[in-house]
Amino acid sequence: ALAAEADRAGLVELLARQVPRSAWAENRRFELLLRVAEDGGRYLCVLNPNVDEAAEDTVRVSVPVNEAVDMWIARGSAVPVRPAASGVAIQRALALGEATVYIWGW
């Protein structure tokens, strides 16, 4: 039933209306995976799936985050977050096939 592009687009639209997103890339250039640790910490894995080109996108998180730390950098590095309409935004550029992990509590 999902062989046609129109059917897939309809399913995605239905899901978007019914299921609130916690994190997403505005221009869909990154793949995101959100995890919650036993201690309540939040981990957001961000991947540039393009192995041919670097990519830049804005990662949006739907809840207030005061500070994020990029754990991919040795000893962690603070990441600037800015308020956005529905939470916060993090502007990021990733090299081809590069990934990073952000951690924060909320």
PDB file of N, CA and C in Angstrom:
ATOM      1  N   ALA A   1       0.817  -1.189   0.000  1.00  0.00           N
ATOM      2  CA  ALA A   1       0.000   0.000   0.000  1.00  0.00           C
ATOM      3  C   ALA A   1       0.868   1.263   0.000  1.00  0.00           C
ATOM      4  N   LEU A   2       2.155   1.149   0.369  1.00  0.00           N
ATOM      5  CA  LEU A   2       3.012   2.333   0.422  1.00  0.00           C
ATOM      6  C   LEU A   2       3.984   2.389  -0.743  1.00  0.00           C
ATOM      7  N   ALA A   3       3.681   1.667  -1.818  1.00  0.00           N
ATOM      8  CA  ALA A   3       4.580   1.639  -2.968  1.00  0.00           C
ATOM      9  C   ALA A   3       4.609   2.979  -3.694  1.00  0.00           C
ATOM     10  N   ALA A   4       3.480   3.675  -3.721  1.00  0.00           N
ATOM     11  CA  ALA A   4       3.413   4.958  -4.418  1.00  0.00           C
ATOM     12  C   ALA A   4       3.911   6.085  -3.516  1.00  0.00           C
ATOM     13  N   GLU A   5       4.634   7.022  -4.117  1.00  0.00           N
ATOM     14  CA  GLU A   5       5.170   8.167  -3.369  1.00  0.00           C
ATOM     15  C   GLU A   5       4.053   8.954  -2.688  1.00  0.00           C
ATOM     16  N   ALA A   6       2.929   9.111  -3.335  1.00  0.00           N
ATOM     17  CA  ALA A   6       1.814   9.868  -2.754  1.00  0.00           C
ATOM     18  C   ALA A   6       1.295   9.189  -1.489  1.00  0.00           C
ATOM     19  N   ASP A   7       1.270   7.854  -1.482  1.00  0.00           N
ATOM     20  CA  ASP A   7       0.816   7.125  -0.293  1.00  0.00           C
ATOM     21  C   ASP A   7       1.796   7.308   0.856  1.00  0.00           C
ATOM     22  N   ARG A   8       3.097   7.241   0.554  1.00  0.00           N
ATOM     23  CA  ARG A   8       4.114   7.443   1.598  1.00  0.00           C
ATOM     24  C   ARG A   8       4.040   8.856   2.149  1.00  0.00           C
ATOM     25  N   ALA A   9       3.879   9.843   1.271  1.00  0.00           N
ATOM     26  CA  ALA A   9       3.784  11.234   1.707  1.00  0.00           C
ATOM     27  C   ALA A   9       2.552  11.430   2.588  1.00  0.00           C
ATOM     28  N   GLY A  10       1.463  10.781   2.241  1.00  0.00           N
ATOM     29  CA  GLY A  10       0.250  10.886   3.048  1.00  0.00           C
ATOM     30  C   GLY A  10       0.439  10.301   4.431  1.00  0.00           C
ATOM     31  N   LEU A  11       1.141   9.186   4.526  1.00  0.00           N
ATOM     32  CA  LEU A  11       1.406   8.568   5.824  1.00  0.00           C
ATOM     33  C   LEU A  11       2.299   9.463   6.671  1.00  0.00           C
ATOM     34  N   VAL A  12       3.327  10.023   6.066  1.00  0.00           N
ATOM     35  CA  VAL A  12       4.225  10.921   6.796  1.00  0.00           C
ATOM     36  C   VAL A  12       3.452  12.137   7.296  1.00  0.00           C
ATOM     37  N   GLU A  13       2.587  12.694   6.477  1.00  0.00           N
ATOM     38  CA  GLU A  13       1.785  13.849   6.889  1.00  0.00           C
ATOM     39  C   GLU A  13       0.855  13.492   8.043  1.00  0.00           C
ATOM     40  N   LEU A  14       0.225  12.332   7.973  1.00  0.00           N
ATOM     41  CA  LEU A  14      -0.660  11.880   9.053  1.00  0.00           C
ATOM     42  C   LEU A  14       0.114  11.725  10.358  1.00  0.00           C
ATOM     43  N   LEU A  15       1.282  11.098  10.300  1.00  0.00           N
ATOM     44  CA  LEU A  15       2.107  10.925  11.496  1.00  0.00           C
ATOM     45  C   LEU A  15       2.545  12.278  12.065  1.00  0.00           C
ATOM     46  N   ALA A  16       2.927  13.196  11.190  1.00  0.00           N
ATOM     47  CA  ALA A  16       3.373  14.518  11.645  1.00  0.00           C
ATOM     48  C   ALA A  16       2.268  15.259  12.388  1.00  0.00           C
ATOM     49  N   ARG A  17       1.021  15.077  11.956  1.00  0.00           N
ATOM     50  CA  ARG A  17      -0.095  15.744  12.637  1.00  0.00           C
ATOM     51  C   ARG A  17      -0.429  15.091  13.969  1.00  0.00           C
ATOM     52  N   GLN A  18      -0.196  13.799  14.104  1.00  0.00           N
ATOM     53  CA  GLN A  18      -0.640  13.059  15.283  1.00  0.00           C
ATOM     54  C   GLN A  18       0.436  12.834  16.339  1.00  0.00           C
ATOM     55  N   VAL A  19       1.694  12.847  15.943  1.00  0.00           N
ATOM     56  CA  VAL A  19       2.792  12.517  16.861  1.00  0.00           C
ATOM     57  C   VAL A  19       3.735  13.718  16.960  1.00  0.00           C
ATOM     58  N   PRO A  20       3.794  14.367  18.110  1.00  0.00           N
ATOM     59  CA  PRO A  20       4.699  15.517  18.229  1.00  0.00           C
ATOM     60  C   PRO A  20       6.161  15.071  18.146  1.00  0.00           C
ATOM     61  N   ARG A  21       6.957  15.880  17.468  1.00  0.00           N
ATOM     62  CA  ARG A  21       8.379  15.566  17.322  1.00  0.00           C
ATOM     63  C   ARG A  21       9.158  16.134  18.493  1.00  0.00           C
ATOM     64  N   SER A  22      10.137  15.391  18.953  1.00  0.00           N
ATOM     65  CA  SER A  22      11.023  15.867  20.019  1.00  0.00           C
ATOM     66  C   SER A  22      12.245  16.562  19.452  1.00  0.00           C
ATOM     67  N   ALA A  23      12.734  16.069  18.310  1.00  0.00           N
ATOM     68  CA  ALA A  23      13.917  16.646  17.675  1.00  0.00           C
ATOM     69  C   ALA A  23      13.851  16.359  16.177  1.00  0.00           C
ATOM     70  N   TRP A  24      14.326  17.341  15.393  1.00  0.00           N
ATOM     71  CA  TRP A  24      14.334  17.147  13.946  1.00  0.00           C
ATOM     72  C   TRP A  24      15.312  18.122  13.310  1.00  0.00           C
ATOM     73  N   ALA A  25      15.710  17.828  12.093  1.00  0.00           N
ATOM     74  CA  ALA A  25      16.557  18.718  11.306  1.00  0.00           C
ATOM     75  C   ALA A  25      15.640  19.476  10.346  1.00  0.00           C
ATOM     76  N   GLU A  26      15.704  20.797  10.391  1.00  0.00           N
ATOM     77  CA  GLU A  26      14.768  21.623   9.615  1.00  0.00           C
ATOM     78  C   GLU A  26      14.738  21.261   8.135  1.00  0.00           C
ATOM     79  N   ASN A  27      15.889  21.045   7.544  1.00  0.00           N
ATOM     80  CA  ASN A  27      15.963  20.774   6.106  1.00  0.00           C
ATOM     81  C   ASN A  27      16.174  19.297   5.789  1.00  0.00           C
ATOM     82  N   ARG A  28      16.045  18.467   6.802  1.00  0.00           N
ATOM     83  CA  ARG A  28      16.147  17.001   6.655  1.00  0.00           C
ATOM     84  C   ARG A  28      17.492  16.540   6.097  1.00  0.00           C
ATOM     85  N   ARG A  29      18.546  17.298   6.389  1.00  0.00           N
ATOM     86  CA  ARG A  29      19.879  16.897   5.925  1.00  0.00           C
ATOM     87  C   ARG A  29      20.551  15.932   6.903  1.00  0.00           C
ATOM     88  N   PHE A  30      20.076  15.892   8.140  1.00  0.00           N
ATOM     89  CA  PHE A  30      20.652  15.023   9.157  1.00  0.00           C
ATOM     90  C   PHE A  30      19.645  13.970   9.593  1.00  0.00           C
ATOM     91  N   GLU A  31      20.168  12.841  10.026  1.00  0.00           N
ATOM     92  CA  GLU A  31      19.357  11.823  10.696  1.00  0.00           C
ATOM     93  C   GLU A  31      19.583  11.998  12.190  1.00  0.00           C
ATOM     94  N   LEU A  32      18.510  11.918  12.972  1.00  0.00           N
ATOM     95  CA  LEU A  32      18.592  12.142  14.412  1.00  0.00           C
ATOM     96  C   LEU A  32      18.064  10.939  15.170  1.00  0.00           C
ATOM     97  N   LEU A  33      18.676  10.679  16.312  1.00  0.00           N
ATOM     98  CA  LEU A  33      18.232   9.617  17.205  1.00  0.00           C
ATOM     99  C   LEU A  33      18.320  10.157  18.624  1.00  0.00           C
ATOM    100  N   LEU A  34      17.186  10.227  19.313  1.00  0.00           N
ATOM    101  CA  LEU A  34      17.123  10.748  20.674  1.00  0.00           C
ATOM    102  C   LEU A  34      17.031   9.590  21.645  1.00  0.00           C
ATOM    103  N   ARG A  35      17.861   9.623  22.679  1.00  0.00           N
ATOM    104  CA  ARG A  35      17.856   8.578  23.711  1.00  0.00           C
ATOM    105  C   ARG A  35      17.788   9.228  25.081  1.00  0.00           C
ATOM    106  N   VAL A  36      17.143   8.526  26.021  1.00  0.00           N
ATOM    107  CA  VAL A  36      17.046   8.977  27.406  1.00  0.00           C
ATOM    108  C   VAL A  36      17.793   7.966  28.268  1.00  0.00           C
ATOM    109  N   ALA A  37      18.749   8.450  29.066  1.00  0.00           N
ATOM    110  CA  ALA A  37      19.538   7.580  29.936  1.00  0.00           C
ATOM    111  C   ALA A  37      18.766   7.282  31.220  1.00  0.00           C
ATOM    112  N   GLU A  38      19.201   6.271  31.938  1.00  0.00           N
ATOM    113  CA  GLU A  38      18.554   5.903  33.200  1.00  0.00           C
ATOM    114  C   GLU A  38      18.564   7.058  34.199  1.00  0.00           C
ATOM    115  N   ASP A  39      19.605   7.909  34.134  1.00  0.00           N
ATOM    116  CA  ASP A  39      19.689   9.040  35.063  1.00  0.00           C
ATOM    117  C   ASP A  39      18.888  10.251  34.579  1.00  0.00           C
ATOM    118  N   GLY A  40      18.176  10.098  33.455  1.00  0.00           N
ATOM    119  CA  GLY A  40      17.351  11.179  32.934  1.00  0.00           C
ATOM    120  C   GLY A  40      18.042  12.075  31.929  1.00  0.00           C
ATOM    121  N   GLY A  41      19.346  11.892  31.736  1.00  0.00           N
ATOM    122  CA  GLY A  41      20.062  12.678  30.738  1.00  0.00           C
ATOM    123  C   GLY A  41      19.556  12.364  29.345  1.00  0.00           C
ATOM    124  N   ARG A  42      19.629  13.345  28.472  1.00  0.00           N
ATOM    125  CA  ARG A  42      19.173  13.179  27.089  1.00  0.00           C
ATOM    126  C   ARG A  42      20.382  13.180  26.167  1.00  0.00           C
ATOM    127  N   TYR A  43      20.390  12.248  25.229  1.00  0.00           N
ATOM    128  CA  TYR A  43      21.442  12.143  24.234  1.00  0.00           C
ATOM    129  C   TYR A  43      20.813  12.277  22.863  1.00  0.00           C
ATOM    130  N   LEU A  44      21.331  13.167  22.053  1.00  0.00           N
ATOM    131  CA  LEU A  44      20.841  13.333  20.702  1.00  0.00           C
ATOM    132  C   LEU A  44      21.982  13.029  19.745  1.00  0.00           C
ATOM    133  N   CYS A  45      21.847  11.946  19.013  1.00  0.00           N
ATOM    134  CA  CYS A  45      22.837  11.555  18.015  1.00  0.00           C
ATOM    135  C   CYS A  45      22.445  12.209  16.691  1.00  0.00           C
ATOM    136  N   VAL A  46      23.396  12.885  16.056  1.00  0.00           N
ATOM    137  CA  VAL A  46      23.152  13.592  14.811  1.00  0.00           C
ATOM    138  C   VAL A  46      24.123  13.056  13.770  1.00  0.00           C
ATOM    139  N   LEU A  47      23.589  12.641  12.614  1.00  0.00           N
ATOM    140  CA  LEU A  47      24.402  12.033  11.565  1.00  0.00           C
ATOM    141  C   LEU A  47      24.146  12.728  10.240  1.00  0.00           C
ATOM    142  N   ASN A  48      25.219  13.061   9.530  1.00  0.00           N
ATOM    143  CA  ASN A  48      25.110  13.480   8.140  1.00  0.00           C
ATOM    144  C   ASN A  48      25.203  12.192   7.320  1.00  0.00           C
ATOM    145  N   PRO A  49      24.094  11.693   6.777  1.00  0.00           N
ATOM    146  CA  PRO A  49      24.137  10.419   6.062  1.00  0.00           C
ATOM    147  C   PRO A  49      24.771  10.513   4.676  1.00  0.00           C
ATOM    148  N   ASN A  50      25.044  11.724   4.212  1.00  0.00           N
ATOM    149  CA  ASN A  50      25.625  11.917   2.895  1.00  0.00           C
ATOM    150  C   ASN A  50      27.127  11.647   2.961  1.00  0.00           C
ATOM    151  N   VAL A  51      27.579  10.630   2.249  1.00  0.00           N
ATOM    152  CA  VAL A  51      29.009  10.283   2.272  1.00  0.00           C
ATOM    153  C   VAL A  51      29.776  10.977   1.156  1.00  0.00           C
ATOM    154  N   ASP A  52      29.093  11.830   0.394  1.00  0.00           N
ATOM    155  CA  ASP A  52      29.741  12.537  -0.702  1.00  0.00           C
ATOM    156  C   ASP A  52      29.929  14.030  -0.438  1.00  0.00           C
ATOM    157  N   GLU A  53      29.101  14.595   0.463  1.00  0.00           N
ATOM    158  CA  GLU A  53      29.163  16.037   0.690  1.00  0.00           C
ATOM    159  C   GLU A  53      28.952  16.381   2.157  1.00  0.00           C
ATOM    160  N   ALA A  54      29.590  17.470   2.588  1.00  0.00           N
ATOM    161  CA  ALA A  54      29.304  18.024   3.909  1.00  0.00           C
ATOM    162  C   ALA A  54      27.891  18.598   3.885  1.00  0.00           C
ATOM    163  N   ALA A  55      27.311  18.760   5.044  1.00  0.00           N
ATOM    164  CA  ALA A  55      25.949  19.298   5.123  1.00  0.00           C
ATOM    165  C   ALA A  55      25.847  20.235   6.312  1.00  0.00           C
ATOM    166  N   GLU A  56      24.957  21.207   6.177  1.00  0.00           N
ATOM    167  CA  GLU A  56      24.655  22.125   7.275  1.00  0.00           C
ATOM    168  C   GLU A  56      23.147  22.169   7.432  1.00  0.00           C
ATOM    169  N   ASP A  57      22.702  22.191   8.685  1.00  0.00           N
ATOM    170  CA  ASP A  57      21.269  22.232   8.951  1.00  0.00           C
ATOM    171  C   ASP A  57      21.065  22.802  10.348  1.00  0.00           C
ATOM    172  N   THR A  58      19.828  23.097  10.648  1.00  0.00           N
ATOM    173  CA  THR A  58      19.458  23.554  11.974  1.00  0.00           C
ATOM    174  C   THR A  58      18.729  22.426  12.675  1.00  0.00           C
ATOM    175  N   VAL A  59      19.279  21.981  13.796  1.00  0.00           N
ATOM    176  CA  VAL A  59      18.648  20.935  14.602  1.00  0.00           C
ATOM    177  C   VAL A  59      17.702  21.621  15.565  1.00  0.00           C
ATOM    178  N   ARG A  60      16.455  21.186  15.561  1.00  0.00           N
ATOM    179  CA  ARG A  60      15.447  21.761  16.451  1.00  0.00           C
ATOM    180  C   ARG A  60      15.090  20.749  17.526  1.00  0.00           C
ATOM    181  N   VAL A  61      14.948  21.221  18.743  1.00  0.00           N
ATOM    182  CA  VAL A  61      14.529  20.398  19.879  1.00  0.00           C
ATOM    183  C   VAL A  61      13.300  21.068  20.460  1.00  0.00           C
ATOM    184  N   SER A  62      12.245  20.296  20.692  1.00  0.00           N
ATOM    185  CA  SER A  62      10.946  20.886  21.028  1.00  0.00           C
ATOM    186  C   SER A  62      10.760  21.250  22.497  1.00  0.00           C
ATOM    187  N   VAL A  63      11.801  21.147  23.283  1.00  0.00           N
ATOM    188  CA  VAL A  63      11.702  21.522  24.694  1.00  0.00           C
ATOM    189  C   VAL A  63      12.821  22.511  25.015  1.00  0.00           C
ATOM    190  N   PRO A  64      12.649  23.329  26.052  1.00  0.00           N
ATOM    191  CA  PRO A  64      13.713  24.263  26.415  1.00  0.00           C
ATOM    192  C   PRO A  64      14.981  23.522  26.850  1.00  0.00           C
ATOM    193  N   VAL A  65      16.087  23.951  26.324  1.00  0.00           N
ATOM    194  CA  VAL A  65      17.401  23.416  26.695  1.00  0.00           C
ATOM    195  C   VAL A  65      18.287  24.615  26.983  1.00  0.00           C
ATOM    196  N   ASN A  66      18.846  24.679  28.169  1.00  0.00           N
ATOM    197  CA  ASN A  66      19.692  25.815  28.528  1.00  0.00           C
ATOM    198  C   ASN A  66      21.093  25.696  27.962  1.00  0.00           C
ATOM    199  N   GLU A  67      21.622  24.476  27.956  1.00  0.00           N
ATOM    200  CA  GLU A  67      22.983  24.257  27.483  1.00  0.00           C
ATOM    201  C   GLU A  67      23.114  22.855  26.938  1.00  0.00           C
ATOM    202  N   ALA A  68      23.808  22.727  25.830  1.00  0.00           N
ATOM    203  CA  ALA A  68      24.091  21.418  25.247  1.00  0.00           C
ATOM    204  C   ALA A  68      25.602  21.240  25.202  1.00  0.00           C
ATOM    205  N   VAL A  69      26.043  20.003  25.274  1.00  0.00           N
ATOM    206  CA  VAL A  69      27.466  19.675  25.208  1.00  0.00           C
ATOM    207  C   VAL A  69      27.669  18.680  24.075  1.00  0.00           C
ATOM    208  N   ASP A  70      28.619  18.976  23.197  1.00  0.00           N
ATOM    209  CA  ASP A  70      28.965  18.079  22.107  1.00  0.00           C
ATOM    210  C   ASP A  70      29.958  17.055  22.655  1.00  0.00           C
ATOM    211  N   MET A  71      29.507  15.829  22.811  1.00  0.00           N
ATOM    212  CA  MET A  71      30.335  14.780  23.409  1.00  0.00           C
ATOM    213  C   MET A  71      31.290  14.143  22.417  1.00  0.00           C
ATOM    214  N   TRP A  72      31.174  14.463  21.139  1.00  0.00           N
ATOM    215  CA  TRP A  72      32.050  13.882  20.129  1.00  0.00           C
ATOM    216  C   TRP A  72      33.445  14.497  20.218  1.00  0.00           C
ATOM    217  N   ILE A  73      33.513  15.700  20.780  1.00  0.00           N
ATOM    218  CA  ILE A  73      34.783  16.393  20.960  1.00  0.00           C
ATOM    219  C   ILE A  73      35.367  15.968  22.306  1.00  0.00           C
ATOM    220  N   ALA A  74      36.658  15.728  22.357  1.00  0.00           N
ATOM    221  CA  ALA A  74      37.309  15.282  23.588  1.00  0.00           C
ATOM    222  C   ALA A  74      36.936  16.188  24.756  1.00  0.00           C
ATOM    223  N   ARG A  75      36.550  15.585  25.866  1.00  0.00           N
ATOM    224  CA  ARG A  75      36.136  16.263  27.097  1.00  0.00           C
ATOM    225  C   ARG A  75      34.857  17.080  26.947  1.00  0.00           C
ATOM    226  N   GLY A  76      34.206  16.996  25.817  1.00  0.00           N
ATOM    227  CA  GLY A  76      32.963  17.729  25.604  1.00  0.00           C
ATOM    228  C   GLY A  76      33.215  19.192  25.296  1.00  0.00           C
ATOM    229  N   SER A  77      32.330  19.780  24.549  1.00  0.00           N
ATOM    230  CA  SER A  77      32.450  21.178  24.194  1.00  0.00           C
ATOM    231  C   SER A  77      31.052  21.796  24.194  1.00  0.00           C
ATOM    232  N   ALA A  78      30.919  22.945  24.843  1.00  0.00           N
ATOM    233  CA  ALA A  78      29.625  23.611  24.896  1.00  0.00           C
ATOM    234  C   ALA A  78      29.162  23.968  23.487  1.00  0.00           C
ATOM    235  N   VAL A  79      27.871  23.808  23.253  1.00  0.00           N
ATOM    236  CA  VAL A  79      27.271  24.100  21.954  1.00  0.00           C
ATOM    237  C   VAL A  79      26.261  25.227  22.148  1.00  0.00           C
ATOM    238  N   PRO A  80      26.355  26.280  21.357  1.00  0.00           N
ATOM    239  CA  PRO A  80      25.383  27.356  21.517  1.00  0.00           C
ATOM    240  C   PRO A  80      23.985  26.910  21.070  1.00  0.00           C
ATOM    241  N   VAL A  81      23.027  27.168  21.915  1.00  0.00           N
ATOM    242  CA  VAL A  81      21.627  26.902  21.584  1.00  0.00           C
ATOM    243  C   VAL A  81      20.906  28.240  21.612  1.00  0.00           C
ATOM    244  N   ARG A  82      19.957  28.406  20.707  1.00  0.00           N
ATOM    245  CA  ARG A  82      19.201  29.654  20.691  1.00  0.00           C
ATOM    246  C   ARG A  82      17.718  29.339  20.789  1.00  0.00           C
ATOM    247  N   PRO A  83      16.976  30.213  21.447  1.00  0.00           N
ATOM    248  CA  PRO A  83      15.532  29.996  21.545  1.00  0.00           C
ATOM    249  C   PRO A  83      14.902  29.979  20.154  1.00  0.00           C
ATOM    250  N   ALA A  84      13.915  29.130  19.992  1.00  0.00           N
ATOM    251  CA  ALA A  84      13.170  29.041  18.735  1.00  0.00           C
ATOM    252  C   ALA A  84      11.691  28.948  19.070  1.00  0.00           C
ATOM    253  N   ALA A  85      10.856  29.037  18.071  1.00  0.00           N
ATOM    254  CA  ALA A  85       9.410  29.081  18.264  1.00  0.00           C
ATOM    255  C   ALA A  85       8.882  27.937  19.125  1.00  0.00           C
ATOM    256  N   SER A  86       9.404  26.766  18.941  1.00  0.00           N
ATOM    257  CA  SER A  86       8.892  25.618  19.704  1.00  0.00           C
ATOM    258  C   SER A  86      10.029  24.892  20.401  1.00  0.00           C
ATOM    259  N   GLY A  87      10.829  25.608  21.187  1.00  0.00           N
ATOM    260  CA  GLY A  87      11.949  24.982  21.895  1.00  0.00           C
ATOM    261  C   GLY A  87      13.233  25.725  21.621  1.00  0.00           C
ATOM    262  N   VAL A  88      14.241  25.006  21.131  1.00  0.00           N
ATOM    263  CA  VAL A  88      15.529  25.621  20.818  1.00  0.00           C
ATOM    264  C   VAL A  88      16.044  25.128  19.473  1.00  0.00           C
ATOM    265  N   ALA A  89      17.066  25.839  18.974  1.00  0.00           N
ATOM    266  CA  ALA A  89      17.684  25.478  17.709  1.00  0.00           C
ATOM    267  C   ALA A  89      19.194  25.450  17.870  1.00  0.00           C
ATOM    268  N   ILE A  90      19.820  24.514  17.186  1.00  0.00           N
ATOM    269  CA  ILE A  90      21.273  24.389  17.169  1.00  0.00           C
ATOM    270  C   ILE A  90      21.701  24.348  15.707  1.00  0.00           C
ATOM    271  N   GLN A  91      22.505  25.319  15.289  1.00  0.00           N
ATOM    272  CA  GLN A  91      23.014  25.340  13.918  1.00  0.00           C
ATOM    273  C   GLN A  91      24.261  24.474  13.870  1.00  0.00           C
ATOM    274  N   ARG A  92      24.356  23.588  12.871  1.00  0.00           N
ATOM    275  CA  ARG A  92      25.488  22.673  12.841  1.00  0.00           C
ATOM    276  C   ARG A  92      25.871  22.343  11.407  1.00  0.00           C
ATOM    277  N   ALA A  93      27.161  22.228  11.168  1.00  0.00           N
ATOM    278  CA  ALA A  93      27.693  21.718   9.906  1.00  0.00           C
ATOM    279  C   ALA A  93      28.444  20.433  10.230  1.00  0.00           C
ATOM    280  N   LEU A  94      28.255  19.414   9.409  1.00  0.00           N
ATOM    281  CA  LEU A  94      28.946  18.143   9.600  1.00  0.00           C
ATOM    282  C   LEU A  94      29.629  17.742   8.294  1.00  0.00           C
ATOM    283  N   ALA A  95      30.812  17.206   8.416  1.00  0.00           N
ATOM    284  CA  ALA A  95      31.537  16.716   7.247  1.00  0.00           C
ATOM    285  C   ALA A  95      30.819  15.502   6.665  1.00  0.00           C
ATOM    286  N   LEU A  96      31.247  15.070   5.501  1.00  0.00           N
ATOM    287  CA  LEU A  96      30.602  13.921   4.861  1.00  0.00           C
ATOM    288  C   LEU A  96      30.655  12.694   5.765  1.00  0.00           C
ATOM    289  N   GLY A  97      29.495  12.113   6.017  1.00  0.00           N
ATOM    290  CA  GLY A  97      29.377  10.937   6.863  1.00  0.00           C
ATOM    291  C   GLY A  97      29.669  11.159   8.335  1.00  0.00           C
ATOM    292  N   GLU A  98      29.873  12.397   8.762  1.00  0.00           N
ATOM    293  CA  GLU A  98      30.228  12.689  10.151  1.00  0.00           C
ATOM    294  C   GLU A  98      29.013  12.594  11.071  1.00  0.00           C
ATOM    295  N   ALA A  99      29.290  12.262  12.313  1.00  0.00           N
ATOM    296  CA  ALA A  99      28.245  12.206  13.348  1.00  0.00           C
ATOM    297  C   ALA A  99      28.730  12.929  14.584  1.00  0.00           C
ATOM    298  N   THR A 100      27.785  13.290  15.434  1.00  0.00           N
ATOM    299  CA  THR A 100      28.102  13.899  16.723  1.00  0.00           C
ATOM    300  C   THR A 100      27.019  13.515  17.719  1.00  0.00           C
ATOM    301  N   VAL A 101      27.313  13.713  18.990  1.00  0.00           N
ATOM    302  CA  VAL A 101      26.344  13.406  20.041  1.00  0.00           C
ATOM    303  C   VAL A 101      26.253  14.601  20.982  1.00  0.00           C
ATOM    304  N   TYR A 102      25.036  15.091  21.181  1.00  0.00           N
ATOM    305  CA  TYR A 102      24.794  16.152  22.141  1.00  0.00           C
ATOM    306  C   TYR A 102      24.191  15.542  23.386  1.00  0.00           C
ATOM    307  N   ILE A 103      24.504  16.119  24.529  1.00  0.00           N
ATOM    308  CA  ILE A 103      23.922  15.667  25.795  1.00  0.00           C
ATOM    309  C   ILE A 103      23.427  16.897  26.541  1.00  0.00           C
ATOM    310  N   TRP A 104      22.304  16.738  27.232  1.00  0.00           N
ATOM    311  CA  TRP A 104      21.759  17.784  28.083  1.00  0.00           C
ATOM    312  C   TRP A 104      20.721  17.178  29.004  1.00  0.00           C
ATOM    313  N   GLY A 105      20.314  17.949  29.977  1.00  0.00           N
ATOM    314  CA  GLY A 105      19.199  17.571  30.835  1.00  0.00           C
ATOM    315  C   GLY A 105      18.101  18.594  30.657  1.00  0.00           C
ATOM    316  N   TRP A 106      16.859  18.185  30.814  1.00  0.00           N
ATOM    317  CA  TRP A 106      15.754  19.140  30.774  1.00  0.00           C
ATOM    318  C   TRP A 106      14.668  18.733  31.709  1.00  0.00           C
TER     319      TRP A 106
END
